[in-house]
């Protein structure tokens, strides 16, 4: 993979190919967060190599939500969902569906 992928996750094969470069980034995003069917799923397909611990900030979910997550041992330990307006959202965390109030984006 390191031969075919640059540090910025774009493909290392001219000419620039949208499907390969952006498709790979989208696949990584879908491993970390999914927003389909009216709910946001946190860490739906986290690979074993990343399960020890990690975090991300600022990923966007459908509906205009911004999501930050921290995890350890493959389980979400802390998360934040924010939106432009005060609203509730369904979030699946560690397999449990919760309805939470999105914080106001600043």
PDB file of N, CA and C in Angstrom:
ATOM      1  N   UNK A   1       0.818  -1.177   0.000  1.00  0.00           N
ATOM      2  CA  UNK A   1       0.000   0.000   0.000  1.00  0.00           C
ATOM      3  C   UNK A   1       0.870   1.251   0.000  1.00  0.00           C
ATOM      4  N   UNK A   2       2.007   1.256   0.687  1.00  0.00           N
ATOM      5  CA  UNK A   2       2.844   2.449   0.737  1.00  0.00           C
ATOM      6  C   UNK A   2       3.399   2.805  -0.635  1.00  0.00           C
ATOM      7  N   UNK A   3       3.561   1.836  -1.507  1.00  0.00           N
ATOM      8  CA  UNK A   3       4.040   2.121  -2.856  1.00  0.00           C
ATOM      9  C   UNK A   3       2.968   2.853  -3.664  1.00  0.00           C
ATOM     10  N   UNK A   4       1.711   2.482  -3.478  1.00  0.00           N
ATOM     11  CA  UNK A   4       0.618   3.047  -4.268  1.00  0.00           C
ATOM     12  C   UNK A   4      -0.030   4.273  -3.643  1.00  0.00           C
ATOM     13  N   UNK A   5       0.317   4.588  -2.390  1.00  0.00           N
ATOM     14  CA  UNK A   5      -0.349   5.681  -1.689  1.00  0.00           C
ATOM     15  C   UNK A   5       0.667   6.672  -1.148  1.00  0.00           C
ATOM     16  N   UNK A   6       0.455   7.941  -1.398  1.00  0.00           N
ATOM     17  CA  UNK A   6       1.314   9.005  -0.891  1.00  0.00           C
ATOM     18  C   UNK A   6       0.937   9.323   0.557  1.00  0.00           C
ATOM     19  N   UNK A   7       1.773  10.068   1.298  1.00  0.00           N
ATOM     20  CA  UNK A   7       1.453  10.408   2.695  1.00  0.00           C
ATOM     21  C   UNK A   7       0.110  11.116   2.879  1.00  0.00           C
ATOM     22  N   UNK A   8      -0.364  11.852   1.862  1.00  0.00           N
ATOM     23  CA  UNK A   8      -1.653  12.539   1.965  1.00  0.00           C
ATOM     24  C   UNK A   8      -2.818  11.643   1.553  1.00  0.00           C
ATOM     25  N   UNK A   9      -2.553  10.351   1.374  1.00  0.00           N
ATOM     26  CA  UNK A   9      -3.520   9.316   0.996  1.00  0.00           C
ATOM     27  C   UNK A   9      -3.987   9.394  -0.452  1.00  0.00           C
ATOM     28  N   UNK A  10      -3.399  10.275  -1.257  1.00  0.00           N
ATOM     29  CA  UNK A  10      -3.706  10.283  -2.676  1.00  0.00           C
ATOM     30  C   UNK A  10      -2.949   9.153  -3.354  1.00  0.00           C
ATOM     31  N   UNK A  11      -3.468   8.691  -4.462  1.00  0.00           N
ATOM     32  CA  UNK A  11      -2.827   7.616  -5.197  1.00  0.00           C
ATOM     33  C   UNK A  11      -1.513   8.046  -5.828  1.00  0.00           C
ATOM     34  N   UNK A  12      -0.562   7.137  -5.882  1.00  0.00           N
ATOM     35  CA  UNK A  12       0.753   7.411  -6.442  1.00  0.00           C
ATOM     36  C   UNK A  12       0.855   6.829  -7.850  1.00  0.00           C
ATOM     37  N   UNK A  13      -0.069   7.223  -8.714  1.00  0.00           N
ATOM     38  CA  UNK A  13      -0.067   6.701 -10.069  1.00  0.00           C
ATOM     39  C   UNK A  13      -0.632   7.753 -11.013  1.00  0.00           C
ATOM     40  N   UNK A  14       0.273   8.435 -11.761  1.00  0.00           N
ATOM     41  CA  UNK A  14      -0.227   9.432 -12.709  1.00  0.00           C
ATOM     42  C   UNK A  14      -0.981   8.752 -13.837  1.00  0.00           C
ATOM     43  N   UNK A  15      -1.940   9.369 -14.468  1.00  0.00           N
ATOM     44  CA  UNK A  15      -2.457  10.677 -14.087  1.00  0.00           C
ATOM     45  C   UNK A  15      -3.311  10.573 -12.817  1.00  0.00           C
ATOM     46  N   UNK A  16      -3.533  11.711 -12.192  1.00  0.00           N
ATOM     47  CA  UNK A  16      -4.357  11.764 -10.986  1.00  0.00           C
ATOM     48  C   UNK A  16      -5.709  11.118 -11.269  1.00  0.00           C
ATOM     49  N   UNK A  17      -6.107  10.180 -10.432  1.00  0.00           N
ATOM     50  CA  UNK A  17      -7.362   9.465 -10.644  1.00  0.00           C
ATOM     51  C   UNK A  17      -8.305   9.713  -9.465  1.00  0.00           C
ATOM     52  N   UNK A  18      -9.409  10.376  -9.757  1.00  0.00           N
ATOM     53  CA  UNK A  18     -10.362  10.715  -8.701  1.00  0.00           C
ATOM     54  C   UNK A  18     -10.906   9.489  -7.987  1.00  0.00           C
ATOM     55  N   UNK A  19     -11.272   8.465  -8.737  1.00  0.00           N
ATOM     56  CA  UNK A  19     -11.885   7.302  -8.099  1.00  0.00           C
ATOM     57  C   UNK A  19     -10.924   6.624  -7.130  1.00  0.00           C
ATOM     58  N   UNK A  20      -9.661   6.518  -7.484  1.00  0.00           N
ATOM     59  CA  UNK A  20      -8.691   5.878  -6.605  1.00  0.00           C
ATOM     60  C   UNK A  20      -8.303   6.758  -5.433  1.00  0.00           C
ATOM     61  N   UNK A  21      -8.032   8.016  -5.700  1.00  0.00           N
ATOM     62  CA  UNK A  21      -7.557   8.913  -4.645  1.00  0.00           C
ATOM     63  C   UNK A  21      -8.665   9.284  -3.659  1.00  0.00           C
ATOM     64  N   UNK A  22      -9.776   9.776  -4.153  1.00  0.00           N
ATOM     65  CA  UNK A  22     -10.857  10.172  -3.251  1.00  0.00           C
ATOM     66  C   UNK A  22     -11.622   8.968  -2.733  1.00  0.00           C
ATOM     67  N   UNK A  23     -11.686   7.911  -3.508  1.00  0.00           N
ATOM     68  CA  UNK A  23     -12.380   6.702  -3.062  1.00  0.00           C
ATOM     69  C   UNK A  23     -11.698   6.077  -1.860  1.00  0.00           C
ATOM     70  N   UNK A  24     -10.380   6.079  -1.836  1.00  0.00           N
ATOM     71  CA  UNK A  24      -9.636   5.526  -0.708  1.00  0.00           C
ATOM     72  C   UNK A  24      -9.890   6.344   0.551  1.00  0.00           C
ATOM     73  N   UNK A  25      -9.859   7.665   0.426  1.00  0.00           N
ATOM     74  CA  UNK A  25     -10.138   8.534   1.575  1.00  0.00           C
ATOM     75  C   UNK A  25     -11.561   8.326   2.089  1.00  0.00           C
ATOM     76  N   UNK A  26     -12.507   8.179   1.193  1.00  0.00           N
ATOM     77  CA  UNK A  26     -13.896   7.942   1.583  1.00  0.00           C
ATOM     78  C   UNK A  26     -14.046   6.608   2.304  1.00  0.00           C
ATOM     79  N   UNK A  27     -13.290   5.598   1.873  1.00  0.00           N
ATOM     80  CA  UNK A  27     -13.353   4.292   2.528  1.00  0.00           C
ATOM     81  C   UNK A  27     -12.846   4.385   3.967  1.00  0.00           C
ATOM     82  N   UNK A  28     -11.782   5.128   4.185  1.00  0.00           N
ATOM     83  CA  UNK A  28     -11.275   5.314   5.547  1.00  0.00           C
ATOM     84  C   UNK A  28     -12.312   6.028   6.397  1.00  0.00           C
ATOM     85  N   UNK A  29     -12.933   7.061   5.863  1.00  0.00           N
ATOM     86  CA  UNK A  29     -13.976   7.782   6.580  1.00  0.00           C
ATOM     87  C   UNK A  29     -15.113   6.850   6.980  1.00  0.00           C
ATOM     88  N   UNK A  30     -15.533   5.980   6.084  1.00  0.00           N
ATOM     89  CA  UNK A  30     -16.641   5.055   6.374  1.00  0.00           C
ATOM     90  C   UNK A  30     -16.275   4.037   7.453  1.00  0.00           C
ATOM     91  N   UNK A  31     -14.981   3.750   7.647  1.00  0.00           N
ATOM     92  CA  UNK A  31     -14.559   2.862   8.735  1.00  0.00           C
ATOM     93  C   UNK A  31     -14.700   3.566  10.083  1.00  0.00           C
ATOM     94  N   UNK A  32     -14.553   4.898  10.091  1.00  0.00           N
ATOM     95  CA  UNK A  32     -14.565   5.658  11.327  1.00  0.00           C
ATOM     96  C   UNK A  32     -15.949   6.171  11.711  1.00  0.00           C
ATOM     97  N   UNK A  33     -16.737   6.550  10.722  1.00  0.00           N
ATOM     98  CA  UNK A  33     -18.060   7.120  11.000  1.00  0.00           C
ATOM     99  C   UNK A  33     -18.962   6.877   9.795  1.00  0.00           C
ATOM    100  N   UNK A  34     -20.194   6.497  10.056  1.00  0.00           N
ATOM    101  CA  UNK A  34     -21.190   6.359   8.995  1.00  0.00           C
ATOM    102  C   UNK A  34     -22.434   7.138   9.411  1.00  0.00           C
ATOM    103  N   UNK A  35     -23.066   7.749   8.438  1.00  0.00           N
ATOM    104  CA  UNK A  35     -24.302   8.487   8.718  1.00  0.00           C
ATOM    105  C   UNK A  35     -25.319   8.163   7.634  1.00  0.00           C
ATOM    106  N   UNK A  36     -26.055   7.092   7.886  1.00  0.00           N
ATOM    107  CA  UNK A  36     -27.088   6.623   6.974  1.00  0.00           C
ATOM    108  C   UNK A  36     -28.346   6.332   7.786  1.00  0.00           C
ATOM    109  N   UNK A  37     -29.465   6.299   7.128  1.00  0.00           N
ATOM    110  CA  UNK A  37     -30.734   5.873   7.735  1.00  0.00           C
ATOM    111  C   UNK A  37     -31.067   6.643   9.007  1.00  0.00           C
ATOM    112  N   UNK A  38     -30.715   7.932   9.049  1.00  0.00           N
ATOM    113  CA  UNK A  38     -31.126   8.767  10.167  1.00  0.00           C
ATOM    114  C   UNK A  38     -30.331   8.612  11.451  1.00  0.00           C
ATOM    115  N   UNK A  39     -29.180   7.940  11.396  1.00  0.00           N
ATOM    116  CA  UNK A  39     -28.352   7.832  12.594  1.00  0.00           C
ATOM    117  C   UNK A  39     -26.878   7.937  12.223  1.00  0.00           C
ATOM    118  N   UNK A  40     -26.084   8.339  13.195  1.00  0.00           N
ATOM    119  CA  UNK A  40     -24.637   8.408  13.044  1.00  0.00           C
ATOM    120  C   UNK A  40     -24.058   7.224  13.801  1.00  0.00           C
ATOM    121  N   UNK A  41     -23.253   6.414  13.127  1.00  0.00           N
ATOM    122  CA  UNK A  41     -22.631   5.240  13.747  1.00  0.00           C
ATOM    123  C   UNK A  41     -21.149   5.543  13.945  1.00  0.00           C
ATOM    124  N   UNK A  42     -20.687   5.439  15.183  1.00  0.00           N
ATOM    125  CA  UNK A  42     -19.295   5.719  15.510  1.00  0.00           C
ATOM    126  C   UNK A  42     -18.476   4.436  15.475  1.00  0.00           C
ATOM    127  N   UNK A  43     -17.376   4.459  14.779  1.00  0.00           N
ATOM    128  CA  UNK A  43     -16.441   3.333  14.620  1.00  0.00           C
ATOM    129  C   UNK A  43     -17.128   2.051  14.167  1.00  0.00           C
ATOM    130  N   UNK A  44     -17.859   2.095  13.042  1.00  0.00           N
ATOM    131  CA  UNK A  44     -18.579   0.906  12.598  1.00  0.00           C
ATOM    132  C   UNK A  44     -17.684  -0.223  12.089  1.00  0.00           C
ATOM    133  N   UNK A  45     -16.464   0.097  11.634  1.00  0.00           N
ATOM    134  CA  UNK A  45     -15.602  -0.928  11.042  1.00  0.00           C
ATOM    135  C   UNK A  45     -14.132  -0.608  11.314  1.00  0.00           C
ATOM    136  N   UNK A  46     -13.807  -0.355  12.562  1.00  0.00           N
ATOM    137  CA  UNK A  46     -12.444   0.012  12.916  1.00  0.00           C
ATOM    138  C   UNK A  46     -11.514  -1.190  12.749  1.00  0.00           C
ATOM    139  N   UNK A  47     -10.464  -1.081  11.921  1.00  0.00           N
ATOM    140  CA  UNK A  47      -9.555  -2.211  11.729  1.00  0.00           C
ATOM    141  C   UNK A  47      -8.775  -2.520  13.009  1.00  0.00           C
ATOM    142  N   UNK A  48      -8.403  -3.761  13.152  1.00  0.00           N
ATOM    143  CA  UNK A  48      -7.679  -4.218  14.342  1.00  0.00           C
ATOM    144  C   UNK A  48      -6.406  -3.395  14.577  1.00  0.00           C
ATOM    145  N   UNK A  49      -5.732  -3.022  13.513  1.00  0.00           N
ATOM    146  CA  UNK A  49      -4.483  -2.269  13.625  1.00  0.00           C
ATOM    147  C   UNK A  49      -4.671  -0.888  14.261  1.00  0.00           C
ATOM    148  N   UNK A  50      -5.886  -0.355  14.244  1.00  0.00           N
ATOM    149  CA  UNK A  50      -6.157   0.974  14.805  1.00  0.00           C
ATOM    150  C   UNK A  50      -6.907   0.923  16.133  1.00  0.00           C
ATOM    151  N   UNK A  51      -7.227  -0.263  16.633  1.00  0.00           N
ATOM    152  CA  UNK A  51      -8.095  -0.376  17.795  1.00  0.00           C
ATOM    153  C   UNK A  51      -7.457   0.050  19.111  1.00  0.00           C
ATOM    154  N   UNK A  52      -6.145  -0.004  19.251  1.00  0.00           N
ATOM    155  CA  UNK A  52      -5.505   0.287  20.533  1.00  0.00           C
ATOM    156  C   UNK A  52      -5.974   1.628  21.090  1.00  0.00           C
ATOM    157  N   UNK A  53      -5.788   2.689  20.352  1.00  0.00           N
ATOM    158  CA  UNK A  53      -6.321   3.985  20.739  1.00  0.00           C
ATOM    159  C   UNK A  53      -6.191   4.944  19.569  1.00  0.00           C
ATOM    160  N   UNK A  54      -7.012   5.973  19.596  1.00  0.00           N
ATOM    161  CA  UNK A  54      -6.962   6.963  18.538  1.00  0.00           C
ATOM    162  C   UNK A  54      -8.010   8.032  18.737  1.00  0.00           C
ATOM    163  N   UNK A  55      -8.024   8.970  17.830  1.00  0.00           N
ATOM    164  CA  UNK A  55      -9.000  10.054  17.894  1.00  0.00           C
ATOM    165  C   UNK A  55      -9.066  10.753  16.542  1.00  0.00           C
ATOM    166  N   UNK A  56     -10.142  11.494  16.350  1.00  0.00           N
ATOM    167  CA  UNK A  56     -10.240  12.408  15.224  1.00  0.00           C
ATOM    168  C   UNK A  56     -11.151  13.543  15.621  1.00  0.00           C
ATOM    169  N   UNK A  57     -11.011  14.653  14.926  1.00  0.00           N
ATOM    170  CA  UNK A  57     -11.875  15.809  15.156  1.00  0.00           C
ATOM    171  C   UNK A  57     -12.330  16.361  13.818  1.00  0.00           C
ATOM    172  N   UNK A  58     -13.531  16.883  13.802  1.00  0.00           N
ATOM    173  CA  UNK A  58     -14.017  17.622  12.651  1.00  0.00           C
ATOM    174  C   UNK A  58     -14.547  16.834  11.474  1.00  0.00           C
ATOM    175  N   UNK A  59     -14.802  15.530  11.639  1.00  0.00           N
ATOM    176  CA  UNK A  59     -15.389  14.786  10.516  1.00  0.00           C
ATOM    177  C   UNK A  59     -16.848  15.186  10.367  1.00  0.00           C
ATOM    178  N   UNK A  60     -17.292  15.290   9.127  1.00  0.00           N
ATOM    179  CA  UNK A  60     -18.667  15.713   8.857  1.00  0.00           C
ATOM    180  C   UNK A  60     -19.559  14.506   8.602  1.00  0.00           C
ATOM    181  N   UNK A  61     -20.773  14.584   9.150  1.00  0.00           N
ATOM    182  CA  UNK A  61     -21.781  13.546   8.957  1.00  0.00           C
ATOM    183  C   UNK A  61     -22.985  14.166   8.251  1.00  0.00           C
ATOM    184  N   UNK A  62     -23.776  13.323   7.589  1.00  0.00           N
ATOM    185  CA  UNK A  62     -24.977  13.812   6.915  1.00  0.00           C
ATOM    186  C   UNK A  62     -25.866  14.556   7.911  1.00  0.00           C
ATOM    187  N   UNK A  63     -26.489  15.615   7.424  1.00  0.00           N
ATOM    188  CA  UNK A  63     -27.350  16.426   8.274  1.00  0.00           C
ATOM    189  C   UNK A  63     -26.638  17.655   8.811  1.00  0.00           C
ATOM    190  N   UNK A  64     -25.389  17.863   8.394  1.00  0.00           N
ATOM    191  CA  UNK A  64     -24.641  19.041   8.829  1.00  0.00           C
ATOM    192  C   UNK A  64     -23.984  18.890  10.188  1.00  0.00           C
ATOM    193  N   UNK A  65     -23.781  17.669  10.634  1.00  0.00           N
ATOM    194  CA  UNK A  65     -23.153  17.429  11.929  1.00  0.00           C
ATOM    195  C   UNK A  65     -21.636  17.361  11.792  1.00  0.00           C
ATOM    196  N   UNK A  66     -20.946  17.795  12.834  1.00  0.00           N
ATOM    197  CA  UNK A  66     -19.500  17.655  12.950  1.00  0.00           C
ATOM    198  C   UNK A  66     -19.237  16.752  14.148  1.00  0.00           C
ATOM    199  N   UNK A  67     -18.351  15.761  13.966  1.00  0.00           N
ATOM    200  CA  UNK A  67     -18.144  14.738  14.990  1.00  0.00           C
ATOM    201  C   UNK A  67     -16.673  14.666  15.389  1.00  0.00           C
ATOM    202  N   UNK A  68     -16.434  14.579  16.699  1.00  0.00           N
ATOM    203  CA  UNK A  68     -15.114  14.336  17.275  1.00  0.00           C
ATOM    204  C   UNK A  68     -15.216  13.054  18.090  1.00  0.00           C
ATOM    205  N   UNK A  69     -14.187  12.205  18.048  1.00  0.00           N
ATOM    206  CA  UNK A  69     -14.221  10.929  18.776  1.00  0.00           C
ATOM    207  C   UNK A  69     -12.838  10.630  19.356  1.00  0.00           C
ATOM    208  N   UNK A  70     -12.838   9.989  20.518  1.00  0.00           N
ATOM    209  CA  UNK A  70     -11.644   9.357  21.079  1.00  0.00           C
ATOM    210  C   UNK A  70     -12.013   7.912  21.367  1.00  0.00           C
ATOM    211  N   UNK A  71     -11.058   6.980  21.157  1.00  0.00           N
ATOM    212  CA  UNK A  71     -11.334   5.579  21.459  1.00  0.00           C
ATOM    213  C   UNK A  71     -10.118   4.909  22.068  1.00  0.00           C
ATOM    214  N   UNK A  72     -10.383   3.819  22.761  1.00  0.00           N
ATOM    215  CA  UNK A  72      -9.340   2.985  23.349  1.00  0.00           C
ATOM    216  C   UNK A  72      -9.836   1.552  23.335  1.00  0.00           C
ATOM    217  N   UNK A  73      -8.974   0.624  22.985  1.00  0.00           N
ATOM    218  CA  UNK A  73      -9.319  -0.803  22.895  1.00  0.00           C
ATOM    219  C   UNK A  73     -10.531  -1.034  21.989  1.00  0.00           C
ATOM    220  N   UNK A  74     -10.652  -0.239  20.938  1.00  0.00           N
ATOM    221  CA  UNK A  74     -11.725  -0.401  19.967  1.00  0.00           C
ATOM    222  C   UNK A  74     -13.081   0.117  20.404  1.00  0.00           C
ATOM    223  N   UNK A  75     -13.142   0.757  21.585  1.00  0.00           N
ATOM    224  CA  UNK A  75     -14.408   1.283  22.107  1.00  0.00           C
ATOM    225  C   UNK A  75     -14.339   2.801  22.216  1.00  0.00           C
ATOM    226  N   UNK A  76     -15.434   3.469  21.872  1.00  0.00           N
ATOM    227  CA  UNK A  76     -15.506   4.917  21.988  1.00  0.00           C
ATOM    228  C   UNK A  76     -15.455   5.278  23.477  1.00  0.00           C
ATOM    229  N   UNK A  77     -14.528   6.166  23.834  1.00  0.00           N
ATOM    230  CA  UNK A  77     -14.420   6.616  25.224  1.00  0.00           C
ATOM    231  C   UNK A  77     -14.950   8.036  25.404  1.00  0.00           C
ATOM    232  N   UNK A  78     -14.967   8.806  24.332  1.00  0.00           N
ATOM    233  CA  UNK A  78     -15.458  10.174  24.403  1.00  0.00           C
ATOM    234  C   UNK A  78     -15.877  10.596  23.000  1.00  0.00           C
ATOM    235  N   UNK A  79     -16.955  11.347  22.896  1.00  0.00           N
ATOM    236  CA  UNK A  79     -17.367  11.845  21.585  1.00  0.00           C
ATOM    237  C   UNK A  79     -18.133  13.144  21.745  1.00  0.00           C
ATOM    238  N   UNK A  80     -18.191  13.888  20.660  1.00  0.00           N
ATOM    239  CA  UNK A  80     -18.918  15.157  20.612  1.00  0.00           C
ATOM    240  C   UNK A  80     -19.571  15.257  19.244  1.00  0.00           C
ATOM    241  N   UNK A  81     -20.841  15.599  19.227  1.00  0.00           N
ATOM    242  CA  UNK A  81     -21.570  15.851  17.987  1.00  0.00           C
ATOM    243  C   UNK A  81     -22.038  17.301  18.052  1.00  0.00           C
ATOM    244  N   UNK A  82     -21.738  18.072  17.017  1.00  0.00           N
ATOM    245  CA  UNK A  82     -22.114  19.481  16.986  1.00  0.00           C
ATOM    246  C   UNK A  82     -22.842  19.795  15.685  1.00  0.00           C
ATOM    247  N   UNK A  83     -23.672  20.837  15.725  1.00  0.00           N
ATOM    248  CA  UNK A  83     -24.432  21.282  14.552  1.00  0.00           C
ATOM    249  C   UNK A  83     -24.632  22.791  14.644  1.00  0.00           C
ATOM    250  N   UNK A  84     -25.079  23.395  13.552  1.00  0.00           N
ATOM    251  CA  UNK A  84     -25.329  24.835  13.541  1.00  0.00           C
ATOM    252  C   UNK A  84     -26.495  25.208  14.455  1.00  0.00           C
ATOM    253  N   UNK A  85     -27.491  24.337  14.540  1.00  0.00           N
ATOM    254  CA  UNK A  85     -28.672  24.577  15.362  1.00  0.00           C
ATOM    255  C   UNK A  85     -28.758  23.535  16.461  1.00  0.00           C
ATOM    256  N   UNK A  86     -29.400  23.900  17.550  1.00  0.00           N
ATOM    257  CA  UNK A  86     -29.627  22.959  18.644  1.00  0.00           C
ATOM    258  C   UNK A  86     -30.660  21.935  18.182  1.00  0.00           C
ATOM    259  N   UNK A  87     -30.263  20.678  18.122  1.00  0.00           N
ATOM    260  CA  UNK A  87     -31.157  19.625  17.668  1.00  0.00           C
ATOM    261  C   UNK A  87     -30.699  18.292  18.234  1.00  0.00           C
ATOM    262  N   UNK A  88     -31.619  17.343  18.249  1.00  0.00           N
ATOM    263  CA  UNK A  88     -31.238  16.010  18.715  1.00  0.00           C
ATOM    264  C   UNK A  88     -30.860  15.142  17.519  1.00  0.00           C
ATOM    265  N   UNK A  89     -30.034  14.146  17.792  1.00  0.00           N
ATOM    266  CA  UNK A  89     -29.553  13.253  16.744  1.00  0.00           C
ATOM    267  C   UNK A  89     -29.386  11.861  17.334  1.00  0.00           C
ATOM    268  N   UNK A  90     -29.655  10.842  16.527  1.00  0.00           N
ATOM    269  CA  UNK A  90     -29.444   9.460  16.957  1.00  0.00           C
ATOM    270  C   UNK A  90     -28.001   9.074  16.668  1.00  0.00           C
ATOM    271  N   UNK A  91     -27.323   8.562  17.703  1.00  0.00           N
ATOM    272  CA  UNK A  91     -25.915   8.174  17.589  1.00  0.00           C
ATOM    273  C   UNK A  91     -25.764   6.758  18.123  1.00  0.00           C
ATOM    274  N   UNK A  92     -25.156   5.893  17.336  1.00  0.00           N
ATOM    275  CA  UNK A  92     -24.871   4.521  17.773  1.00  0.00           C
ATOM    276  C   UNK A  92     -23.430   4.492  18.283  1.00  0.00           C
ATOM    277  N   UNK A  93     -23.304   4.282  19.603  1.00  0.00           N
ATOM    278  CA  UNK A  93     -22.006   4.296  20.280  1.00  0.00           C
ATOM    279  C   UNK A  93     -21.775   2.940  20.917  1.00  0.00           C
ATOM    280  N   UNK A  94     -20.699   2.276  20.529  1.00  0.00           N
ATOM    281  CA  UNK A  94     -20.368   0.952  21.079  1.00  0.00           C
ATOM    282  C   UNK A  94     -21.559   0.001  21.004  1.00  0.00           C
ATOM    283  N   UNK A  95     -22.305   0.078  19.904  1.00  0.00           N
ATOM    284  CA  UNK A  95     -23.431  -0.813  19.659  1.00  0.00           C
ATOM    285  C   UNK A  95     -24.751  -0.373  20.247  1.00  0.00           C
ATOM    286  N   UNK A  96     -24.749   0.683  21.050  1.00  0.00           N
ATOM    287  CA  UNK A  96     -25.974   1.157  21.706  1.00  0.00           C
ATOM    288  C   UNK A  96     -26.479   2.427  21.025  1.00  0.00           C
ATOM    289  N   UNK A  97     -27.760   2.450  20.652  1.00  0.00           N
ATOM    290  CA  UNK A  97     -28.359   3.616  20.007  1.00  0.00           C
ATOM    291  C   UNK A  97     -28.816   4.606  21.067  1.00  0.00           C
ATOM    292  N   UNK A  98     -28.343   5.847  20.955  1.00  0.00           N
ATOM    293  CA  UNK A  98     -28.689   6.910  21.892  1.00  0.00           C
ATOM    294  C   UNK A  98     -29.219   8.097  21.119  1.00  0.00           C
ATOM    295  N   UNK A  99     -30.109   8.853  21.730  1.00  0.00           N
ATOM    296  CA  UNK A  99     -30.520  10.133  21.180  1.00  0.00           C
ATOM    297  C   UNK A  99     -29.874  11.209  22.032  1.00  0.00           C
ATOM    298  N   UNK A 100     -29.043  12.045  21.403  1.00  0.00           N
ATOM    299  CA  UNK A 100     -28.302  13.056  22.134  1.00  0.00           C
ATOM    300  C   UNK A 100     -28.578  14.427  21.520  1.00  0.00           C
ATOM    301  N   UNK A 101     -28.361  15.459  22.302  1.00  0.00           N
ATOM    302  CA  UNK A 101     -28.477  16.819  21.816  1.00  0.00           C
ATOM    303  C   UNK A 101     -27.163  17.264  21.212  1.00  0.00           C
ATOM    304  N   UNK A 102     -27.195  17.704  19.970  1.00  0.00           N
ATOM    305  CA  UNK A 102     -25.975  18.191  19.324  1.00  0.00           C
ATOM    306  C   UNK A 102     -25.605  19.550  19.923  1.00  0.00           C
ATOM    307  N   UNK A 103     -24.325  19.720  20.195  1.00  0.00           N
ATOM    308  CA  UNK A 103     -23.841  21.003  20.674  1.00  0.00           C
ATOM    309  C   UNK A 103     -23.895  22.013  19.531  1.00  0.00           C
ATOM    310  N   UNK A 104     -23.917  23.280  19.872  1.00  0.00           N
ATOM    311  CA  UNK A 104     -23.932  24.339  18.852  1.00  0.00           C
ATOM    312  C   UNK A 104     -22.501  24.546  18.354  1.00  0.00           C
ATOM    313  N   UNK A 105     -22.326  24.524  17.029  1.00  0.00           N
ATOM    314  CA  UNK A 105     -21.011  24.794  16.430  1.00  0.00           C
ATOM    315  C   UNK A 105     -20.615  26.221  16.706  1.00  0.00           C
ATOM    316  N   UNK A 106     -19.384  26.412  17.046  1.00  0.00           N
ATOM    317  CA  UNK A 106     -18.886  27.772  17.293  1.00  0.00           C
ATOM    318  C   UNK A 106     -17.953  28.172  16.205  1.00  0.00           C
TER     319      UNK A 106
END
